[in-house]
PDB file of N, CA and C in Angstrom:
ATOM      1  N   MET A   1     -18.607 -23.070  38.921  1.00  0.00           N
ATOM      2  CA  MET A   1     -16.837 -21.961  38.906  1.00  0.00           C
ATOM      3  C   MET A   1     -15.870 -22.011  38.016  1.00  0.00           C
ATOM      4  N   ALA A   2     -15.404 -20.761  37.228  1.00  0.00           N
ATOM      5  CA  ALA A   2     -14.188 -20.014  36.713  1.00  0.00           C
ATOM      6  C   ALA A   2     -13.679 -20.964  36.233  1.00  0.00           C
ATOM      7  N   GLU A   3     -13.575 -20.852  34.470  1.00  0.00           N
ATOM      8  CA  GLU A   3     -11.910 -21.641  33.845  1.00  0.00           C
ATOM      9  C   GLU A   3     -11.337 -21.251  34.135  1.00  0.00           C
ATOM     10  N   LYS A   4     -10.161 -22.064  33.911  1.00  0.00           N
ATOM     11  CA  LYS A   4      -8.291 -21.538  34.986  1.00  0.00           C
ATOM     12  C   LYS A   4      -8.119 -21.696  33.427  1.00  0.00           C
ATOM     13  N   LYS A   5      -7.331 -20.191  32.852  1.00  0.00           N
ATOM     14  CA  LYS A   5      -7.763 -19.446  31.292  1.00  0.00           C
ATOM     15  C   LYS A   5      -5.870 -19.990  31.431  1.00  0.00           C
ATOM     16  N   LYS A   6      -5.890 -20.456  30.086  1.00  0.00           N
ATOM     17  CA  LYS A   6      -4.323 -21.032  29.576  1.00  0.00           C
ATOM     18  C   LYS A   6      -3.004 -19.940  28.971  1.00  0.00           C
ATOM     19  N   PRO A   7      -3.075 -21.315  29.464  1.00  0.00           N
ATOM     20  CA  PRO A   7      -1.475 -19.450  28.573  1.00  0.00           C
ATOM     21  C   PRO A   7      -1.411 -19.033  27.328  1.00  0.00           C
ATOM     22  N   GLU A   8      -0.922 -18.129  26.576  1.00  0.00           N
ATOM     23  CA  GLU A   8      -0.917 -18.080  25.051  1.00  0.00           C
ATOM     24  C   GLU A   8       0.293 -18.470  24.544  1.00  0.00           C
ATOM     25  N   ARG A   9       1.391 -18.718  25.429  1.00  0.00           N
ATOM     26  CA  ARG A   9       2.162 -19.118  24.708  1.00  0.00           C
ATOM     27  C   ARG A   9       3.298 -19.022  26.453  1.00  0.00           C
ATOM     28  N   ILE A  10       4.771 -20.343  26.094  1.00  0.00           N
ATOM     29  CA  ILE A  10       5.268 -20.409  27.401  1.00  0.00           C
ATOM     30  C   ILE A  10       6.925 -21.531  26.853  1.00  0.00           C
ATOM     31  N   TYR A  11       7.537 -19.844  27.394  1.00  0.00           N
ATOM     32  CA  TYR A  11       9.125 -20.064  27.740  1.00  0.00           C
ATOM     33  C   TYR A  11       9.122 -21.341  28.972  1.00  0.00           C
ATOM     34  N   ARG A  12      10.160 -22.428  28.611  1.00  0.00           N
ATOM     35  CA  ARG A  12      11.702 -22.794  29.541  1.00  0.00           C
ATOM     36  C   ARG A  12      12.984 -22.913  29.403  1.00  0.00           C
ATOM     37  N   VAL A  13      13.699 -23.009  31.306  1.00  0.00           N
ATOM     38  CA  VAL A  13      14.629 -22.760  30.304  1.00  0.00           C
ATOM     39  C   VAL A  13      14.465 -23.331  32.263  1.00  0.00           C
ATOM     40  N   GLY A  14      15.553 -24.976  31.946  1.00  0.00           N
ATOM     41  CA  GLY A  14      15.148 -26.243  32.998  1.00  0.00           C
ATOM     42  C   GLY A  14      14.367 -26.243  33.991  1.00  0.00           C
ATOM     43  N   ASP A  15      14.103 -25.640  35.005  1.00  0.00           N
ATOM     44  CA  ASP A  15      12.637 -26.019  35.550  1.00  0.00           C
ATOM     45  C   ASP A  15      11.687 -24.538  35.670  1.00  0.00           C
ATOM     46  N   VAL A  16      12.647 -23.497  35.447  1.00  0.00           N
ATOM     47  CA  VAL A  16      12.142 -22.101  35.369  1.00  0.00           C
ATOM     48  C   VAL A  16      11.789 -22.192  34.166  1.00  0.00           C
ATOM     49  N   SER A  17      10.118 -21.418  34.139  1.00  0.00           N
ATOM     50  CA  SER A  17       9.349 -20.937  32.726  1.00  0.00           C
ATOM     51  C   SER A  17       9.098 -19.868  33.254  1.00  0.00           C
ATOM     52  N   ALA A  18       8.362 -18.776  31.720  1.00  0.00           N
ATOM     53  CA  ALA A  18       7.664 -17.353  31.988  1.00  0.00           C
ATOM     54  C   ALA A  18       6.312 -17.923  31.278  1.00  0.00           C
ATOM     55  N   SER A  19       4.956 -17.746  31.094  1.00  0.00           N
ATOM     56  CA  SER A  19       3.967 -18.145  31.095  1.00  0.00           C
ATOM     57  C   SER A  19       3.168 -16.627  30.196  1.00  0.00           C
ATOM     58  N   ILE A  20       2.925 -16.604  28.803  1.00  0.00           N
ATOM     59  CA  ILE A  20       2.759 -14.754  28.811  1.00  0.00           C
ATOM     60  C   ILE A  20       1.089 -15.310  28.734  1.00  0.00           C
ATOM     61  N   PHE A  21      -0.033 -14.033  29.174  1.00  0.00           N
ATOM     62  CA  PHE A  21      -1.788 -14.698  28.912  1.00  0.00           C
ATOM     63  C   PHE A  21      -1.910 -13.533  28.322  1.00  0.00           C
ATOM     64  N   VAL A  22      -2.697 -13.637  27.943  1.00  0.00           N
ATOM     65  CA  VAL A  22      -3.279 -12.119  27.163  1.00  0.00           C
ATOM     66  C   VAL A  22      -4.654 -12.005  27.564  1.00  0.00           C
ATOM     67  N   GLN A  23      -4.551 -11.196  28.069  1.00  0.00           N
ATOM     68  CA  GLN A  23      -5.881 -10.048  29.565  1.00  0.00           C
ATOM     69  C   GLN A  23      -6.584  -8.837  27.663  1.00  0.00           C
ATOM     70  N   GLU A  24      -8.359  -9.485  28.664  1.00  0.00           N
ATOM     71  CA  GLU A  24      -8.675  -7.908  27.501  1.00  0.00           C
ATOM     72  C   GLU A  24      -9.260  -6.400  28.869  1.00  0.00           C
ATOM     73  N   ALA A  25      -9.242  -5.069  28.471  1.00  0.00           N
ATOM     74  CA  ALA A  25      -9.107  -5.041  29.035  1.00  0.00           C
ATOM     75  C   ALA A  25     -10.376  -3.745  28.403  1.00  0.00           C
ATOM     76  N   GLY A  26     -11.238  -4.181  28.419  1.00  0.00           N
ATOM     77  CA  GLY A  26     -12.388  -3.447  27.065  1.00  0.00           C
ATOM     78  C   GLY A  26     -12.236  -2.090  26.329  1.00  0.00           C
ATOM     79  N   ASN A  27     -12.823  -1.769  26.064  1.00  0.00           N
ATOM     80  CA  ASN A  27     -13.248  -1.172  24.428  1.00  0.00           C
ATOM     81  C   ASN A  27     -11.548  -1.004  23.103  1.00  0.00           C
ATOM     82  N   ASP A  28     -12.101  -3.329  23.506  1.00  0.00           N
ATOM     83  CA  ASP A  28     -11.384  -3.918  22.721  1.00  0.00           C
ATOM     84  C   ASP A  28      -9.824  -3.382  22.585  1.00  0.00           C
ATOM     85  N   ARG A  29      -8.998  -3.955  24.228  1.00  0.00           N
ATOM     86  CA  ARG A  29      -7.739  -2.990  23.888  1.00  0.00           C
ATOM     87  C   ARG A  29      -6.801  -4.883  24.577  1.00  0.00           C
ATOM     88  N   VAL A  30      -6.378  -4.413  23.648  1.00  0.00           N
ATOM     89  CA  VAL A  30      -5.477  -6.008  24.878  1.00  0.00           C
ATOM     90  C   VAL A  30      -4.335  -5.922  24.946  1.00  0.00           C
ATOM     91  N   PHE A  31      -3.291  -6.674  25.784  1.00  0.00           N
ATOM     92  CA  PHE A  31      -2.573  -6.701  26.687  1.00  0.00           C
ATOM     93  C   PHE A  31      -1.356  -8.265  27.234  1.00  0.00           C
ATOM     94  N   ARG A  32      -0.783  -8.009  26.966  1.00  0.00           N
ATOM     95  CA  ARG A  32       0.153  -9.625  27.799  1.00  0.00           C
ATOM     96  C   ARG A  32       0.958  -8.992  28.954  1.00  0.00           C
ATOM     97  N   THR A  33       0.607 -10.136  29.850  1.00  0.00           N
ATOM     98  CA  THR A  33       1.078 -10.367  31.334  1.00  0.00           C
ATOM     99  C   THR A  33       1.577 -11.951  31.073  1.00  0.00           C
ATOM    100  N   VAL A  34       2.978 -11.703  31.346  1.00  0.00           N
ATOM    101  CA  VAL A  34       3.692 -12.755  31.506  1.00  0.00           C
ATOM    102  C   VAL A  34       4.319 -12.927  33.089  1.00  0.00           C
ATOM    103  N   SER A  35       3.560 -13.839  33.858  1.00  0.00           N
ATOM    104  CA  SER A  35       4.137 -14.698  34.439  1.00  0.00           C
ATOM    105  C   SER A  35       5.499 -15.250  34.929  1.00  0.00           C
ATOM    106  N   LEU A  36       6.157 -15.226  36.075  1.00  0.00           N
ATOM    107  CA  LEU A  36       7.929 -16.453  36.668  1.00  0.00           C
ATOM    108  C   LEU A  36       7.383 -17.175  37.036  1.00  0.00           C
ATOM    109  N   GLN A  37       7.848 -18.837  37.092  1.00  0.00           N
ATOM    110  CA  GLN A  37       8.300 -19.452  38.515  1.00  0.00           C
ATOM    111  C   GLN A  37       8.576 -20.801  37.572  1.00  0.00           C
ATOM    112  N   LYS A  38       8.589 -21.639  38.667  1.00  0.00           N
ATOM    113  CA  LYS A  38      10.379 -22.096  38.582  1.00  0.00           C
ATOM    114  C   LYS A  38       8.518 -23.745  39.169  1.00  0.00           C
ATOM    115  N   SER A  39       8.315 -25.327  39.026  1.00  0.00           N
ATOM    116  CA  SER A  39       8.977 -25.993  39.182  1.00  0.00           C
ATOM    117  C   SER A  39       9.055 -26.464  40.579  1.00  0.00           C
ATOM    118  N   TYR A  40       8.678 -28.129  41.148  1.00  0.00           N
ATOM    119  CA  TYR A  40       9.901 -28.837  41.427  1.00  0.00           C
ATOM    120  C   TYR A  40       9.103 -29.832  42.094  1.00  0.00           C
ATOM    121  N   MET A  41       9.709 -30.710  42.063  1.00  0.00           N
ATOM    122  CA  MET A  41       8.457 -32.161  42.835  1.00  0.00           C
ATOM    123  C   MET A  41       8.699 -32.379  43.981  1.00  0.00           C
ATOM    124  N   ALA A  42       7.377 -32.493  45.217  1.00  0.00           N
ATOM    125  CA  ALA A  42       7.849 -32.403  46.688  1.00  0.00           C
ATOM    126  C   ALA A  42       7.069 -33.643  46.719  1.00  0.00           C
ATOM    127  N   ASP A  43       6.887 -35.271  47.388  1.00  0.00           N
ATOM    128  CA  ASP A  43       5.952 -35.831  48.235  1.00  0.00           C
ATOM    129  C   ASP A  43       5.796 -36.584  46.845  1.00  0.00           C
ATOM    130  N   GLY A  44       6.437 -36.444  45.531  1.00  0.00           N
ATOM    131  CA  GLY A  44       5.839 -37.691  44.382  1.00  0.00           C
ATOM    132  C   GLY A  44       5.042 -35.955  43.582  1.00  0.00           C
ATOM    133  N   GLU A  45       4.783 -34.683  44.062  1.00  0.00           N
ATOM    134  CA  GLU A  45       3.699 -34.174  43.147  1.00  0.00           C
ATOM    135  C   GLU A  45       4.338 -32.644  42.933  1.00  0.00           C
ATOM    136  N   ARG A  46       4.123 -32.199  41.763  1.00  0.00           N
ATOM    137  CA  ARG A  46       4.065 -31.376  40.727  1.00  0.00           C
ATOM    138  C   ARG A  46       4.232 -29.725  41.563  1.00  0.00           C
ATOM    139  N   GLN A  47       4.958 -28.886  41.877  1.00  0.00           N
ATOM    140  CA  GLN A  47       5.213 -27.816  42.278  1.00  0.00           C
ATOM    141  C   GLN A  47       5.362 -27.003  42.107  1.00  0.00           C
ATOM    142  N   TYR A  48       5.405 -25.415  42.184  1.00  0.00           N
ATOM    143  CA  TYR A  48       4.857 -24.642  41.763  1.00  0.00           C
ATOM    144  C   TYR A  48       6.072 -22.939  42.811  1.00  0.00           C
ATOM    145  N   THR A  49       6.252 -22.209  42.810  1.00  0.00           N
ATOM    146  CA  THR A  49       7.073 -21.209  43.324  1.00  0.00           C
ATOM    147  C   THR A  49       7.043 -20.323  42.771  1.00  0.00           C
ATOM    148  N   SER A  50       7.256 -19.114  43.115  1.00  0.00           N
ATOM    149  CA  SER A  50       7.801 -17.737  42.459  1.00  0.00           C
ATOM    150  C   SER A  50       9.187 -17.389  42.506  1.00  0.00           C
ATOM    151  N   SER A  51       9.553 -18.425  44.308  1.00  0.00           N
ATOM    152  CA  SER A  51      11.176 -17.735  44.880  1.00  0.00           C
ATOM    153  C   SER A  51      12.661 -18.630  44.250  1.00  0.00           C
ATOM    154  N   LEU A  52      13.532 -17.976  43.196  1.00  0.00           N
ATOM    155  CA  LEU A  52      14.201 -18.607  43.212  1.00  0.00           C
ATOM    156  C   LEU A  52      15.551 -18.758  43.895  1.00  0.00           C
ATOM    157  N   SER A  53      16.543 -19.919  43.109  1.00  0.00           N
ATOM    158  CA  SER A  53      17.694 -19.667  43.648  1.00  0.00           C
ATOM    159  C   SER A  53      18.797 -18.906  42.523  1.00  0.00           C
ATOM    160  N   MET A  54      20.024 -17.615  43.950  1.00  0.00           N
ATOM    161  CA  MET A  54      21.102 -17.190  42.742  1.00  0.00           C
ATOM    162  C   MET A  54      20.655 -18.632  41.809  1.00  0.00           C
ATOM    163  N   ALA A  55      21.002 -19.286  41.586  1.00  0.00           N
ATOM    164  CA  ALA A  55      21.299 -20.621  40.762  1.00  0.00           C
ATOM    165  C   ALA A  55      20.753 -20.221  39.624  1.00  0.00           C
ATOM    166  N   GLU A  56      19.063 -20.223  39.800  1.00  0.00           N
ATOM    167  CA  GLU A  56      18.245 -20.704  39.266  1.00  0.00           C
ATOM    168  C   GLU A  56      17.889 -19.241  38.250  1.00  0.00           C
ATOM    169  N   LEU A  57      18.847 -17.719  38.791  1.00  0.00           N
ATOM    170  CA  LEU A  57      18.668 -16.893  38.655  1.00  0.00           C
ATOM    171  C   LEU A  57      18.322 -16.718  35.978  1.00  0.00           C
ATOM    172  N   PRO A  58      20.340 -16.749  36.163  1.00  0.00           N
ATOM    173  CA  PRO A  58      20.252 -17.339  34.063  1.00  0.00           C
ATOM    174  C   PRO A  58      18.764 -17.578  33.773  1.00  0.00           C
ATOM    175  N   ALA A  59      18.393 -19.182  34.188  1.00  0.00           N
ATOM    176  CA  ALA A  59      17.029 -18.981  32.891  1.00  0.00           C
ATOM    177  C   ALA A  59      16.120 -18.510  33.603  1.00  0.00           C
ATOM    178  N   ALA A  60      15.682 -16.976  34.905  1.00  0.00           N
ATOM    179  CA  ALA A  60      15.417 -16.583  34.700  1.00  0.00           C
ATOM    180  C   ALA A  60      15.842 -15.108  33.774  1.00  0.00           C
ATOM    181  N   ILE A  61      17.142 -15.459  33.833  1.00  0.00           N
ATOM    182  CA  ILE A  61      16.915 -13.533  33.174  1.00  0.00           C
ATOM    183  C   ILE A  61      16.509 -14.243  31.594  1.00  0.00           C
ATOM    184  N   GLU A  62      16.941 -15.757  31.155  1.00  0.00           N
ATOM    185  CA  GLU A  62      16.992 -15.950  29.800  1.00  0.00           C
ATOM    186  C   GLU A  62      15.424 -16.309  29.437  1.00  0.00           C
ATOM    187  N   VAL A  63      14.614 -17.096  30.054  1.00  0.00           N
ATOM    188  CA  VAL A  63      13.186 -16.979  29.637  1.00  0.00           C
ATOM    189  C   VAL A  63      12.124 -15.626  29.903  1.00  0.00           C
ATOM    190  N   LEU A  64      12.400 -14.833  30.832  1.00  0.00           N
ATOM    191  CA  LEU A  64      12.278 -13.367  30.528  1.00  0.00           C
ATOM    192  C   LEU A  64      13.204 -12.793  29.710  1.00  0.00           C
ATOM    193  N   ARG A  65      13.475 -13.050  29.026  1.00  0.00           N
ATOM    194  CA  ARG A  65      14.213 -12.448  27.265  1.00  0.00           C
ATOM    195  C   ARG A  65      13.313 -12.782  25.773  1.00  0.00           C
ATOM    196  N   MET A  66      12.795 -14.181  26.073  1.00  0.00           N
ATOM    197  CA  MET A  66      12.323 -15.079  24.915  1.00  0.00           C
ATOM    198  C   MET A  66      11.072 -14.385  25.466  1.00  0.00           C
ATOM    199  N   ALA A  67      10.217 -13.620  26.535  1.00  0.00           N
ATOM    200  CA  ALA A  67       8.865 -12.814  26.641  1.00  0.00           C
ATOM    201  C   ALA A  67       8.588 -12.061  25.956  1.00  0.00           C
ATOM    202  N   LEU A  68       9.798 -11.049  26.334  1.00  0.00           N
ATOM    203  CA  LEU A  68       9.821  -9.908  26.161  1.00  0.00           C
ATOM    204  C   LEU A  68      10.445  -9.656  24.519  1.00  0.00           C
ATOM    205  N   SER A  69      11.024 -10.259  23.877  1.00  0.00           N
ATOM    206  CA  SER A  69      10.589 -10.860  22.331  1.00  0.00           C
ATOM    207  C   SER A  69       9.927 -10.920  22.346  1.00  0.00           C
ATOM    208  N   TYR A  70       8.222 -11.728  22.443  1.00  0.00           N
ATOM    209  CA  TYR A  70       7.550 -12.690  21.374  1.00  0.00           C
ATOM    210  C   TYR A  70       6.272 -11.231  22.006  1.00  0.00           C
ATOM    211  N   VAL A  71       6.527 -11.007  23.815  1.00  0.00           N
ATOM    212  CA  VAL A  71       5.609  -9.629  23.534  1.00  0.00           C
ATOM    213  C   VAL A  71       5.376  -8.401  22.685  1.00  0.00           C
ATOM    214  N   ALA A  72       6.952  -7.825  22.310  1.00  0.00           N
ATOM    215  CA  ALA A  72       7.316  -7.235  21.660  1.00  0.00           C
ATOM    216  C   ALA A  72       6.718  -7.107  19.847  1.00  0.00           C
ATOM    217  N   ASP A  73       7.335  -8.376  20.158  1.00  0.00           N
ATOM    218  CA  ASP A  73       6.455  -8.974  18.484  1.00  0.00           C
ATOM    219  C   ASP A  73       5.213  -9.079  18.345  1.00  0.00           C
ATOM    220  N   GLU A  74       4.596  -8.524  19.026  1.00  0.00           N
ATOM    221  CA  GLU A  74       2.937  -8.701  19.014  1.00  0.00           C
ATOM    222  C   GLU A  74       2.951  -6.925  19.462  1.00  0.00           C
ATOM    223  N   LYS A  75       3.511  -6.491  19.690  1.00  0.00           N
ATOM    224  CA  LYS A  75       3.231  -5.162  19.158  1.00  0.00           C
ATOM    225  C   LYS A  75       2.847  -4.277  20.351  1.00  0.00           C
ATOM    226  N   GLU A  76       3.382  -5.131  20.800  1.00  0.00           N
ATOM    227  CA  GLU A  76       3.086  -4.588  22.376  1.00  0.00           C
ATOM    228  C   GLU A  76       3.202  -3.039  22.476  1.00  0.00           C
ATOM    229  N   GLU A  77       2.254  -2.596  23.911  1.00  0.00           N
ATOM    230  CA  GLU A  77       2.558  -0.921  24.405  1.00  0.00           C
ATOM    231  C   GLU A  77       3.552  -1.614  24.885  1.00  0.00           C
ATOM    232  N   ALA A  78       5.151  -0.373  24.540  1.00  0.00           N
ATOM    233  CA  ALA A  78       5.507  -0.922  25.925  1.00  0.00           C
ATOM    234  C   ALA A  78       6.018  -0.133  26.745  1.00  0.00           C
ATOM    235  N   VAL A  79       6.631   0.941  27.436  1.00  0.00           N
ATOM    236  CA  VAL A  79       7.224   1.942  28.442  1.00  0.00           C
ATOM    237  C   VAL A  79       8.496   1.033  28.697  1.00  0.00           C
ATOM    238  N   VAL A  80       9.583   2.035  28.654  1.00  0.00           N
ATOM    239  CA  VAL A  80      11.025   1.992  29.597  1.00  0.00           C
ATOM    240  C   VAL A  80      10.854   2.582  30.479  1.00  0.00           C
ATOM    241  N   VAL A  81      10.934   1.618  31.448  1.00  0.00           N
ATOM    242  CA  VAL A  81      11.662   2.539  32.145  1.00  0.00           C
ATOM    243  C   VAL A  81      12.832   2.555  32.782  1.00  0.00           C
TER     244      VAL A  81
END
């Protein structure tokens, strides 16, 4: 069984988090990906989802801004569309 990859950095606002993972693409190329999720309790266990309510969108925007700043500071190659 493959070991679960741990994030390089996590930003949280309330129950919403953005996790940054380092990916290697060969030829010594490294890039970062961002995973957005919300945690909640169900039946006494912590659960995770990528579905957000309108009330959670401000927290999502904030953690994504923090993640963008971090990735940009790591000199990530970025393409703005």
